Amino acid sequence: MINKRLGRALLSAALVLGVADIALADNESADKIQGFGPQTFAQLKTQFAGKPFVVSLWSVDCAPCRVELDMLGQMKKADPDFPLVVISTDSIEKREDAADILDEYQLADEITWMFADSFVERLRFSIDPGWYGELPRSYFYDAEHNMMSHSGILTIEKFKELFPY
């Protein structure tokens, strides 16, 4: 009896692992999404030391964010060196959904981040102590890392005004 139960349990585990493996293989874009923790933003700023860059914050449930992601995808396509940091404020458990959306807007090949800490207020604070979670949210950093922020959908004209890269 014990051997039958063990055999069934092993078979069930193998099936579950096989399905999980297939699901991960189907969405390689999800593998490029990294966890965003309390120290991540400081590390990103170090990575862009002496260089201008843009941070775009979005969510899978934010319809206005998709308008901005479309624009950013077009900008990255036109200039692959465009210094863009894309961060989803969703829990990393939603990365399959996020990967599908990023793929739709031609941002799937970018390394992106998703919140990976349940204490989201700490993550928001690490980006901007004055940000309370409104989306879409964009930050524009010049080479000295002076920052300007914008909440709401950006037009291409406003974007270029705030970031004359």
N, C-alpha and C. Protein backbone atom coordinates (compact mmCIF):
# COMPACT_ATOMS: atom_id res chain seq x y z
N MET A 1 0.81 -1.19 0.00
CA MET A 1 0.00 0.00 0.00
C MET A 1 0.86 1.27 0.00
N ILE A 2 1.89 1.26 0.82
CA ILE A 2 2.77 2.42 0.89
C ILE A 2 3.46 2.64 -0.45
N ASN A 3 3.88 1.57 -1.11
CA ASN A 3 4.56 1.70 -2.39
C ASN A 3 3.65 2.28 -3.46
N LYS A 4 2.36 1.93 -3.45
CA LYS A 4 1.42 2.48 -4.41
C LYS A 4 1.24 3.98 -4.17
N ARG A 5 1.11 4.38 -2.90
CA ARG A 5 0.97 5.81 -2.58
C ARG A 5 2.21 6.58 -2.98
N LEU A 6 3.36 6.02 -2.69
CA LEU A 6 4.61 6.66 -3.05
C LEU A 6 4.72 6.77 -4.56
N GLY A 7 4.36 5.72 -5.26
CA GLY A 7 4.40 5.73 -6.72
C GLY A 7 3.49 6.80 -7.29
N ARG A 8 2.26 6.91 -6.77
CA ARG A 8 1.32 7.93 -7.23
C ARG A 8 1.84 9.34 -6.93
N ALA A 9 2.40 9.49 -5.75
CA ALA A 9 2.93 10.81 -5.36
C ALA A 9 4.08 11.21 -6.29
N LEU A 10 4.97 10.27 -6.59
CA LEU A 10 6.09 10.57 -7.49
C LEU A 10 5.60 10.88 -8.89
N LEU A 11 4.60 10.13 -9.37
CA LEU A 11 4.03 10.38 -10.69
C LEU A 11 3.38 11.76 -10.72
N SER A 12 2.63 12.10 -9.68
CA SER A 12 1.99 13.42 -9.61
C SER A 12 3.02 14.54 -9.60
N ALA A 13 4.06 14.35 -8.83
CA ALA A 13 5.13 15.36 -8.76
C ALA A 13 5.79 15.52 -10.12
N ALA A 14 6.05 14.43 -10.81
CA ALA A 14 6.69 14.49 -12.12
C ALA A 14 5.80 15.22 -13.12
N LEU A 15 4.50 14.97 -13.06
CA LEU A 15 3.57 15.65 -13.95
C LEU A 15 3.53 17.14 -13.67
N VAL A 16 3.47 17.51 -12.39
CA VAL A 16 3.46 18.92 -12.02
C VAL A 16 4.73 19.61 -12.48
N LEU A 17 5.86 19.01 -12.24
CA LEU A 17 7.13 19.60 -12.65
C LEU A 17 7.21 19.70 -14.16
N GLY A 18 6.72 18.72 -14.86
CA GLY A 18 6.72 18.76 -16.32
C GLY A 18 5.86 19.89 -16.85
N VAL A 19 4.69 20.09 -16.28
CA VAL A 19 3.81 21.18 -16.69
C VAL A 19 4.47 22.52 -16.38
N ALA A 20 5.08 22.65 -15.22
CA ALA A 20 5.75 23.90 -14.85
C ALA A 20 6.89 24.19 -15.81
N ASP A 21 7.63 23.16 -16.20
CA ASP A 21 8.74 23.34 -17.12
C ASP A 21 8.24 23.81 -18.48
N ILE A 22 7.13 23.24 -18.94
CA ILE A 22 6.56 23.65 -20.22
C ILE A 22 6.09 25.10 -20.14
N ALA A 23 5.44 25.47 -19.04
CA ALA A 23 4.95 26.85 -18.88
C ALA A 23 6.10 27.84 -18.90
N LEU A 24 7.20 27.51 -18.24
CA LEU A 24 8.35 28.42 -18.24
C LEU A 24 8.99 28.49 -19.62
N ALA A 25 9.05 27.38 -20.32
CA ALA A 25 9.64 27.38 -21.65
C ALA A 25 8.80 28.21 -22.62
N ASP A 26 7.47 28.25 -22.39
CA ASP A 26 6.59 28.99 -23.26
C ASP A 26 6.76 30.50 -23.10
N ASN A 27 7.29 30.97 -21.99
CA ASN A 27 7.39 32.40 -21.76
C ASN A 27 8.79 32.78 -21.29
N GLU A 28 9.72 32.72 -22.23
CA GLU A 28 11.11 33.05 -21.90
C GLU A 28 11.25 34.51 -21.49
N SER A 29 10.32 35.37 -21.95
CA SER A 29 10.38 36.79 -21.58
C SER A 29 10.27 36.97 -20.08
N ALA A 30 9.54 36.09 -19.42
CA ALA A 30 9.38 36.19 -17.96
C ALA A 30 10.71 36.00 -17.26
N ASP A 31 11.62 35.27 -17.89
CA ASP A 31 12.93 35.04 -17.28
C ASP A 31 13.77 36.31 -17.21
N LYS A 32 13.45 37.30 -18.03
CA LYS A 32 14.21 38.55 -18.04
C LYS A 32 13.73 39.53 -16.98
N ILE A 33 12.61 39.20 -16.35
CA ILE A 33 12.07 40.07 -15.31
C ILE A 33 12.76 39.72 -13.99
N GLN A 34 13.35 40.74 -13.38
CA GLN A 34 14.08 40.54 -12.13
C GLN A 34 13.29 41.09 -10.95
N GLY A 35 13.57 40.57 -9.78
CA GLY A 35 12.93 41.04 -8.56
C GLY A 35 13.48 42.39 -8.14
N PHE A 36 12.60 43.33 -7.83
CA PHE A 36 12.97 44.67 -7.37
C PHE A 36 12.83 44.71 -5.86
N GLY A 37 13.96 44.88 -5.18
CA GLY A 37 13.98 44.93 -3.73
C GLY A 37 14.35 46.31 -3.22
N PRO A 38 14.47 46.46 -1.92
CA PRO A 38 14.75 47.77 -1.31
C PRO A 38 16.07 48.42 -1.75
N GLN A 39 17.06 47.62 -2.17
CA GLN A 39 18.35 48.18 -2.59
C GLN A 39 18.49 48.30 -4.10
N THR A 40 17.53 47.79 -4.85
CA THR A 40 17.65 47.74 -6.31
C THR A 40 17.81 49.11 -6.93
N PHE A 41 17.01 50.08 -6.49
CA PHE A 41 17.07 51.38 -7.14
C PHE A 41 18.42 52.06 -6.94
N ALA A 42 18.97 51.94 -5.77
CA ALA A 42 20.31 52.50 -5.52
C ALA A 42 21.34 51.85 -6.45
N GLN A 43 21.21 50.55 -6.66
CA GLN A 43 22.12 49.85 -7.57
C GLN A 43 21.93 50.32 -9.01
N LEU A 44 20.69 50.55 -9.41
CA LEU A 44 20.43 51.05 -10.76
C LEU A 44 21.04 52.42 -10.97
N LYS A 45 20.91 53.29 -9.98
CA LYS A 45 21.50 54.61 -10.09
C LYS A 45 23.02 54.52 -10.21
N THR A 46 23.62 53.59 -9.50
CA THR A 46 25.07 53.38 -9.62
C THR A 46 25.42 52.90 -11.02
N GLN A 47 24.61 52.02 -11.55
CA GLN A 47 24.84 51.50 -12.90
C GLN A 47 24.81 52.62 -13.94
N PHE A 48 23.97 53.63 -13.71
CA PHE A 48 23.85 54.74 -14.64
C PHE A 48 24.66 55.96 -14.19
N ALA A 49 25.67 55.77 -13.38
CA ALA A 49 26.48 56.88 -12.87
C ALA A 49 27.01 57.72 -14.03
N GLY A 50 26.78 59.02 -13.96
CA GLY A 50 27.25 59.95 -14.98
C GLY A 50 26.47 59.88 -16.29
N LYS A 51 25.35 59.16 -16.30
CA LYS A 51 24.56 59.01 -17.52
C LYS A 51 23.10 59.36 -17.23
N PRO A 52 22.43 59.95 -18.21
CA PRO A 52 20.99 60.19 -18.05
C PRO A 52 20.23 58.89 -18.25
N PHE A 53 19.05 58.79 -17.61
CA PHE A 53 18.20 57.63 -17.83
C PHE A 53 16.76 57.95 -17.43
N VAL A 54 15.86 57.09 -17.89
CA VAL A 54 14.42 57.24 -17.62
C VAL A 54 13.94 56.01 -16.88
N VAL A 55 13.07 56.23 -15.89
CA VAL A 55 12.43 55.15 -15.17
C VAL A 55 10.93 55.22 -15.47
N SER A 56 10.39 54.10 -15.90
CA SER A 56 8.95 54.02 -16.16
C SER A 56 8.34 53.00 -15.21
N LEU A 57 7.36 53.43 -14.44
CA LEU A 57 6.66 52.57 -13.48
C LEU A 57 5.27 52.28 -14.03
N TRP A 58 4.87 51.03 -13.95
CA TRP A 58 3.60 50.61 -14.53
C TRP A 58 3.04 49.42 -13.77
N SER A 59 1.84 48.99 -14.17
CA SER A 59 1.19 47.82 -13.57
C SER A 59 0.40 47.08 -14.64
N VAL A 60 0.27 45.78 -14.48
CA VAL A 60 -0.48 44.99 -15.45
C VAL A 60 -1.96 45.38 -15.47
N ASP A 61 -2.47 45.93 -14.40
CA ASP A 61 -3.88 46.32 -14.32
C ASP A 61 -4.13 47.78 -14.68
N CYS A 62 -3.12 48.49 -15.13
CA CYS A 62 -3.20 49.92 -15.40
C CYS A 62 -3.33 50.15 -16.91
N ALA A 63 -4.55 50.44 -17.36
CA ALA A 63 -4.78 50.68 -18.79
C ALA A 63 -3.98 51.88 -19.32
N PRO A 64 -3.94 53.02 -18.61
CA PRO A 64 -3.14 54.14 -19.12
C PRO A 64 -1.65 53.80 -19.25
N CYS A 65 -1.17 52.87 -18.43
CA CYS A 65 0.24 52.48 -18.50
C CYS A 65 0.56 51.87 -19.86
N ARG A 66 -0.40 51.19 -20.46
CA ARG A 66 -0.16 50.53 -21.74
C ARG A 66 0.07 51.55 -22.86
N VAL A 67 -0.58 52.70 -22.77
CA VAL A 67 -0.35 53.76 -23.74
C VAL A 67 1.12 54.19 -23.68
N GLU A 68 1.60 54.35 -22.46
CA GLU A 68 2.99 54.77 -22.28
C GLU A 68 3.97 53.65 -22.68
N LEU A 69 3.65 52.41 -22.34
CA LEU A 69 4.51 51.29 -22.74
C LEU A 69 4.62 51.20 -24.26
N ASP A 70 3.53 51.47 -24.95
CA ASP A 70 3.55 51.47 -26.41
C ASP A 70 4.53 52.51 -26.93
N MET A 71 4.46 53.71 -26.37
CA MET A 71 5.36 54.78 -26.78
C MET A 71 6.82 54.40 -26.47
N LEU A 72 7.06 53.87 -25.28
CA LEU A 72 8.43 53.50 -24.89
C LEU A 72 8.97 52.38 -25.78
N GLY A 73 8.11 51.43 -26.12
CA GLY A 73 8.54 50.36 -27.01
C GLY A 73 8.95 50.90 -28.37
N GLN A 74 8.21 51.86 -28.88
CA GLN A 74 8.56 52.48 -30.16
C GLN A 74 9.88 53.24 -30.05
N MET A 75 10.07 53.91 -28.92
CA MET A 75 11.32 54.66 -28.72
C MET A 75 12.52 53.72 -28.64
N LYS A 76 12.36 52.60 -27.93
CA LYS A 76 13.46 51.62 -27.83
C LYS A 76 13.74 50.98 -29.18
N LYS A 77 12.69 50.76 -29.96
CA LYS A 77 12.89 50.19 -31.29
C LYS A 77 13.67 51.16 -32.18
N ALA A 78 13.34 52.44 -32.08
CA ALA A 78 14.03 53.46 -32.88
C ALA A 78 15.47 53.67 -32.41
N ASP A 79 15.70 53.50 -31.10
CA ASP A 79 17.04 53.69 -30.53
C ASP A 79 17.28 52.64 -29.45
N PRO A 80 17.86 51.51 -29.81
CA PRO A 80 18.08 50.44 -28.83
C PRO A 80 18.95 50.85 -27.64
N ASP A 81 19.72 51.92 -27.77
CA ASP A 81 20.57 52.39 -26.67
C ASP A 81 19.86 53.37 -25.74
N PHE A 82 18.60 53.63 -26.02
CA PHE A 82 17.83 54.54 -25.18
C PHE A 82 17.87 54.05 -23.74
N PRO A 83 18.31 54.87 -22.78
CA PRO A 83 18.51 54.43 -21.38
C PRO A 83 17.22 54.33 -20.58
N LEU A 84 16.57 53.20 -20.66
CA LEU A 84 15.26 53.01 -20.07
C LEU A 84 15.28 51.94 -18.99
N VAL A 85 14.66 52.24 -17.87
CA VAL A 85 14.47 51.29 -16.77
C VAL A 85 12.96 51.11 -16.62
N VAL A 86 12.48 49.89 -16.75
CA VAL A 86 11.05 49.60 -16.67
C VAL A 86 10.80 48.77 -15.41
N ILE A 87 9.91 49.28 -14.56
CA ILE A 87 9.61 48.61 -13.29
C ILE A 87 8.11 48.45 -13.15
N SER A 88 7.66 47.22 -12.99
CA SER A 88 6.26 46.95 -12.70
C SER A 88 6.07 46.97 -11.19
N THR A 89 5.01 47.63 -10.76
CA THR A 89 4.73 47.71 -9.33
C THR A 89 3.91 46.51 -8.85
N ASP A 90 3.71 45.55 -9.74
CA ASP A 90 3.00 44.33 -9.37
C ASP A 90 3.96 43.38 -8.67
N SER A 91 3.38 42.46 -7.94
CA SER A 91 4.17 41.41 -7.32
C SER A 91 4.80 40.53 -8.39
N ILE A 92 6.00 40.09 -8.15
CA ILE A 92 6.73 39.27 -9.12
C ILE A 92 5.97 37.99 -9.47
N GLU A 93 5.02 37.60 -8.65
CA GLU A 93 4.21 36.42 -8.97
C GLU A 93 3.38 36.63 -10.23
N LYS A 94 3.19 37.88 -10.65
CA LYS A 94 2.44 38.18 -11.87
C LYS A 94 3.36 38.32 -13.08
N ARG A 95 4.57 37.80 -13.00
CA ARG A 95 5.52 38.07 -14.08
C ARG A 95 5.14 37.47 -15.42
N GLU A 96 4.38 36.39 -15.44
CA GLU A 96 3.92 35.84 -16.72
C GLU A 96 3.02 36.85 -17.42
N ASP A 97 2.09 37.46 -16.68
CA ASP A 97 1.21 38.47 -17.25
C ASP A 97 2.02 39.68 -17.72
N ALA A 98 2.95 40.10 -16.89
CA ALA A 98 3.78 41.25 -17.24
C ALA A 98 4.61 40.96 -18.50
N ALA A 99 5.16 39.77 -18.59
CA ALA A 99 5.98 39.40 -19.76
C ALA A 99 5.15 39.45 -21.04
N ASP A 100 3.91 38.99 -20.96
CA ASP A 100 3.04 39.04 -22.14
C ASP A 100 2.80 40.48 -22.58
N ILE A 101 2.58 41.37 -21.63
CA ILE A 101 2.34 42.78 -21.94
C ILE A 101 3.60 43.42 -22.50
N LEU A 102 4.74 43.16 -21.89
CA LEU A 102 6.00 43.73 -22.38
C LEU A 102 6.30 43.23 -23.79
N ASP A 103 5.99 41.98 -24.06
CA ASP A 103 6.18 41.41 -25.39
C ASP A 103 5.29 42.14 -26.40
N GLU A 104 4.07 42.41 -26.01
CA GLU A 104 3.11 43.12 -26.89
C GLU A 104 3.64 44.49 -27.29
N TYR A 105 4.35 45.14 -26.39
CA TYR A 105 4.85 46.50 -26.65
C TYR A 105 6.35 46.53 -26.99
N GLN A 106 6.86 45.41 -27.45
CA GLN A 106 8.24 45.29 -27.93
C GLN A 106 9.28 45.66 -26.86
N LEU A 107 8.97 45.34 -25.63
CA LEU A 107 9.90 45.58 -24.52
C LEU A 107 10.34 44.28 -23.86
N ALA A 108 10.00 43.16 -24.47
CA ALA A 108 10.30 41.85 -23.87
C ALA A 108 11.79 41.56 -23.80
N ASP A 109 12.57 42.16 -24.67
CA ASP A 109 14.00 41.90 -24.67
C ASP A 109 14.75 42.76 -23.67
N GLU A 110 14.05 43.70 -23.04
CA GLU A 110 14.66 44.55 -22.04
C GLU A 110 14.70 43.82 -20.70
N ILE A 111 15.71 44.09 -19.93
CA ILE A 111 15.71 43.60 -18.55
C ILE A 111 14.80 44.54 -17.77
N THR A 112 13.80 43.96 -17.13
CA THR A 112 12.84 44.76 -16.38
C THR A 112 12.73 44.22 -14.97
N TRP A 113 12.03 44.96 -14.13
CA TRP A 113 11.90 44.58 -12.73
C TRP A 113 10.44 44.54 -12.32
N MET A 114 10.17 43.76 -11.30
CA MET A 114 8.85 43.73 -10.66
C MET A 114 9.06 43.72 -9.16
N PHE A 115 8.15 44.35 -8.45
CA PHE A 115 8.26 44.41 -6.99
C PHE A 115 8.35 43.00 -6.41
N ALA A 116 9.35 42.77 -5.59
CA ALA A 116 9.60 41.45 -5.01
C ALA A 116 9.66 41.51 -3.48
N ASP A 117 8.88 42.42 -2.92
CA ASP A 117 8.81 42.57 -1.47
C ASP A 117 7.38 42.95 -1.14
N SER A 118 6.78 42.29 -0.19
CA SER A 118 5.38 42.57 0.13
C SER A 118 5.20 43.94 0.79
N PHE A 119 6.26 44.53 1.26
CA PHE A 119 6.20 45.86 1.88
C PHE A 119 6.43 46.89 0.77
N VAL A 120 5.39 47.09 -0.07
CA VAL A 120 5.53 47.93 -1.26
C VAL A 120 5.83 49.39 -0.94
N GLU A 121 5.39 49.85 0.22
CA GLU A 121 5.67 51.23 0.59
C GLU A 121 7.17 51.47 0.68
N ARG A 122 7.91 50.49 1.19
CA ARG A 122 9.37 50.61 1.28
C ARG A 122 9.98 50.66 -0.12
N LEU A 123 9.45 49.88 -1.05
CA LEU A 123 9.96 49.88 -2.42
C LEU A 123 9.67 51.22 -3.09
N ARG A 124 8.45 51.72 -2.93
CA ARG A 124 8.13 53.04 -3.50
C ARG A 124 9.02 54.11 -2.90
N PHE A 125 9.24 54.05 -1.60
CA PHE A 125 10.08 55.03 -0.91
C PHE A 125 11.52 54.98 -1.44
N SER A 126 12.00 53.79 -1.79
CA SER A 126 13.37 53.67 -2.30
C SER A 126 13.53 54.37 -3.64
N ILE A 127 12.44 54.51 -4.37
CA ILE A 127 12.47 55.21 -5.66
C ILE A 127 12.27 56.70 -5.45
N ASP A 128 11.25 57.04 -4.65
CA ASP A 128 10.92 58.44 -4.44
C ASP A 128 10.08 58.55 -3.16
N PRO A 129 10.61 59.17 -2.12
CA PRO A 129 9.87 59.30 -0.86
C PRO A 129 8.54 60.05 -1.02
N GLY A 130 8.40 60.85 -2.08
CA GLY A 130 7.18 61.62 -2.29
C GLY A 130 6.18 60.94 -3.21
N TRP A 131 6.44 59.71 -3.61
CA TRP A 131 5.54 58.99 -4.52
C TRP A 131 4.62 58.08 -3.72
N TYR A 132 3.33 58.17 -4.01
CA TYR A 132 2.34 57.41 -3.25
C TYR A 132 1.70 56.28 -4.05
N GLY A 133 2.25 55.97 -5.23
CA GLY A 133 1.79 54.81 -5.98
C GLY A 133 0.98 55.10 -7.22
N GLU A 134 0.73 56.37 -7.55
CA GLU A 134 -0.05 56.66 -8.75
C GLU A 134 0.71 56.22 -10.00
N LEU A 135 -0.05 55.75 -11.00
CA LEU A 135 0.54 55.20 -12.23
C LEU A 135 -0.22 55.71 -13.45
N PRO A 136 0.43 55.77 -14.60
CA PRO A 136 1.86 55.55 -14.80
C PRO A 136 2.66 56.69 -14.17
N ARG A 137 3.87 56.38 -13.84
CA ARG A 137 4.77 57.33 -13.19
C ARG A 137 6.12 57.23 -13.90
N SER A 138 6.69 58.38 -14.24
CA SER A 138 7.98 58.41 -14.93
C SER A 138 8.94 59.33 -14.20
N TYR A 139 10.20 58.94 -14.23
CA TYR A 139 11.27 59.75 -13.65
C TYR A 139 12.32 59.97 -14.72
N PHE A 140 12.79 61.21 -14.79
CA PHE A 140 13.80 61.59 -15.77
C PHE A 140 15.03 62.08 -15.03
N TYR A 141 16.14 61.39 -15.23
CA TYR A 141 17.39 61.73 -14.57
C TYR A 141 18.37 62.25 -15.59
N ASP A 142 18.98 63.39 -15.30
CA ASP A 142 20.05 63.87 -16.17
C ASP A 142 21.36 63.20 -15.76
N ALA A 143 22.46 63.57 -16.40
CA ALA A 143 23.74 62.92 -16.14
C ALA A 143 24.21 63.09 -14.69
N GLU A 144 23.79 64.18 -14.03
CA GLU A 144 24.15 64.40 -12.63
C GLU A 144 23.11 63.78 -11.68
N HIS A 145 22.14 63.12 -12.25
CA HIS A 145 21.04 62.45 -11.54
C HIS A 145 20.12 63.42 -10.82
N ASN A 146 20.00 64.65 -11.38
CA ASN A 146 18.92 65.52 -10.97
C ASN A 146 17.65 64.91 -11.55
N MET A 147 16.58 64.89 -10.78
CA MET A 147 15.39 64.16 -11.18
C MET A 147 14.18 65.07 -11.36
N MET A 148 13.41 64.73 -12.40
CA MET A 148 12.09 65.31 -12.60
C MET A 148 11.12 64.14 -12.68
N SER A 149 9.93 64.31 -12.13
CA SER A 149 8.95 63.23 -12.17
C SER A 149 7.69 63.68 -12.89
N HIS A 150 6.93 62.70 -13.35
CA HIS A 150 5.67 62.97 -14.02
C HIS A 150 4.70 61.83 -13.73
N SER A 151 3.49 62.17 -13.30
CA SER A 151 2.44 61.18 -13.12
C SER A 151 1.42 61.33 -14.23
N GLY A 152 0.94 60.21 -14.74
CA GLY A 152 -0.04 60.21 -15.82
C GLY A 152 0.61 59.90 -17.15
N ILE A 153 -0.24 59.78 -18.16
CA ILE A 153 0.24 59.41 -19.50
C ILE A 153 1.04 60.56 -20.09
N LEU A 154 2.16 60.22 -20.67
CA LEU A 154 3.01 61.19 -21.36
C LEU A 154 2.77 61.14 -22.86
N THR A 155 2.76 62.29 -23.48
CA THR A 155 2.80 62.34 -24.94
C THR A 155 4.28 62.31 -25.34
N ILE A 156 4.54 62.00 -26.58
CA ILE A 156 5.93 61.98 -27.06
C ILE A 156 6.54 63.38 -26.94
N GLU A 157 5.74 64.41 -27.18
CA GLU A 157 6.24 65.79 -27.09
C GLU A 157 6.65 66.13 -25.65
N LYS A 158 5.79 65.78 -24.71
CA LYS A 158 6.10 66.06 -23.30
C LYS A 158 7.30 65.24 -22.85
N PHE A 159 7.35 64.00 -23.31
CA PHE A 159 8.48 63.14 -22.97
C PHE A 159 9.79 63.78 -23.43
N LYS A 160 9.83 64.23 -24.68
CA LYS A 160 11.06 64.84 -25.22
C LYS A 160 11.39 66.17 -24.53
N GLU A 161 10.37 66.87 -24.08
CA GLU A 161 10.59 68.10 -23.32
C GLU A 161 11.26 67.80 -21.99
N LEU A 162 10.79 66.74 -21.31
CA LEU A 162 11.35 66.37 -20.00
C LEU A 162 12.68 65.64 -20.11
N PHE A 163 12.92 65.00 -21.25
CA PHE A 163 14.13 64.20 -21.42
C PHE A 163 14.69 64.41 -22.83
N PRO A 164 15.43 65.50 -23.02
CA PRO A 164 15.95 65.81 -24.36
C PRO A 164 17.22 65.00 -24.69
N TYR A 165 17.20 63.73 -24.39
CA TYR A 165 18.29 62.78 -24.61
C TYR A 165 18.81 62.92 -25.98
